Amino acid sequence: MTISMTKPGDLFTVGETVAVRLPWSEVCMHMRVAGEIRPVLLKEHGAQILNEDGSNFSFPVTFGEAGFRANVDRTFQYIG
């Protein structure tokens, strides 16, 4: 799986898979992925952190816990 690295401020929509450096959020720290670069699939109701092979890592997390801000127009801005 080859995905380009995301920069803060980039915009995305549901269904896109992007590579992000996961933030030091409470959930990411608990799952021991904080600070790691991981692919993330943006779903309708949350962000699915993926393994390198594209399989799901654990359960979907909120957009904020994965480093995204949801906009009114249903785009998602990576804030890191």
Protein backbone atom coordinates (compact mmCIF):
# COMPACT_ATOMS: atom_id res chain seq x y z
CA MET A 1 0.00 0.00 0.00
CA THR A 2 1.59 3.27 -1.14
CA ILE A 3 0.04 6.46 0.22
CA SER A 4 1.60 9.93 0.20
CA MET A 5 2.26 11.71 3.49
CA THR A 6 -0.35 14.23 4.65
CA LYS A 7 0.49 17.80 5.68
CA PRO A 8 -1.42 19.90 8.23
CA GLY A 9 -4.14 21.83 6.42
CA ASP A 10 -4.78 19.20 3.70
CA LEU A 11 -8.48 18.49 3.02
CA PHE A 12 -10.04 15.06 2.45
CA THR A 13 -13.46 13.42 2.03
CA VAL A 14 -15.11 10.22 3.26
CA GLY A 15 -13.64 7.14 1.59
CA GLU A 16 -10.11 8.49 1.20
CA THR A 17 -7.16 6.69 2.74
CA VAL A 18 -4.33 8.99 3.82
CA ALA A 19 -1.03 8.60 5.67
CA VAL A 20 -0.80 10.67 8.85
CA ARG A 21 1.42 11.00 11.87
CA LEU A 22 -1.03 10.05 14.59
CA PRO A 23 -1.34 12.65 17.35
CA TRP A 24 -0.58 12.15 21.02
CA SER A 25 -4.30 11.92 21.77
CA GLU A 26 -5.56 9.86 24.70
CA VAL A 27 -6.91 7.11 22.44
CA CYS A 28 -3.76 6.89 20.27
CA MET A 29 -1.58 6.74 23.39
CA HIS A 30 -3.76 3.97 24.82
CA MET A 31 -3.49 1.99 21.57
CA ARG A 32 0.27 2.68 21.48
CA VAL A 33 0.25 4.24 18.02
CA ALA A 34 0.75 7.90 19.02
CA GLY A 35 3.49 9.54 16.96
CA GLU A 36 3.51 6.73 14.37
CA ILE A 37 2.90 7.29 10.67
CA ARG A 38 -0.08 5.13 9.74
CA PRO A 39 -2.63 4.91 6.92
CA VAL A 40 -6.08 6.10 8.01
CA LEU A 41 -9.36 5.46 6.16
CA LEU A 42 -11.89 8.27 6.62
CA LYS A 43 -15.28 6.64 7.16
CA GLU A 44 -18.75 8.16 7.53
CA HIS A 45 -18.65 8.13 11.36
CA GLY A 46 -14.98 7.99 12.25
CA ALA A 47 -11.41 7.29 11.20
CA GLN A 48 -10.19 3.71 10.78
CA ILE A 49 -6.48 3.33 11.54
CA LEU A 50 -4.99 0.70 9.24
CA ASN A 51 -2.04 -1.66 9.36
CA GLU A 52 0.56 -1.44 6.59
CA ASP A 53 -1.13 -4.33 4.75
CA GLY A 54 -4.44 -2.41 4.67
CA SER A 55 -6.19 -4.45 7.36
CA ASN A 56 -8.01 -2.69 10.20
CA PHE A 57 -6.05 -1.83 13.31
CA SER A 58 -8.42 -2.08 16.25
CA PHE A 59 -11.71 -0.14 16.06
CA PRO A 60 -12.54 3.20 14.35
CA VAL A 61 -11.72 6.29 16.40
CA THR A 62 -13.20 9.79 16.27
CA PHE A 63 -11.85 12.16 13.65
CA GLY A 64 -10.35 14.37 16.35
CA GLU A 65 -8.52 11.46 17.98
CA ALA A 66 -6.91 10.71 14.60
CA GLY A 67 -5.85 14.34 14.05
CA PHE A 68 -8.67 15.59 11.81
CA ARG A 69 -11.22 18.38 12.09
CA ALA A 70 -14.62 17.75 10.49
CA ASN A 71 -15.94 20.70 8.48
CA VAL A 72 -19.58 21.60 7.86
CA ASP A 73 -19.30 20.56 4.19
CA ARG A 74 -18.23 17.01 5.25
CA THR A 75 -14.61 17.55 4.34
CA PHE A 76 -11.92 16.73 6.87
CA GLN A 77 -8.87 18.86 7.52
CA TYR A 78 -5.74 17.21 8.87
CA ILE A 79 -4.55 19.24 11.84
CA GLY A 80 -1.93 16.82 13.10
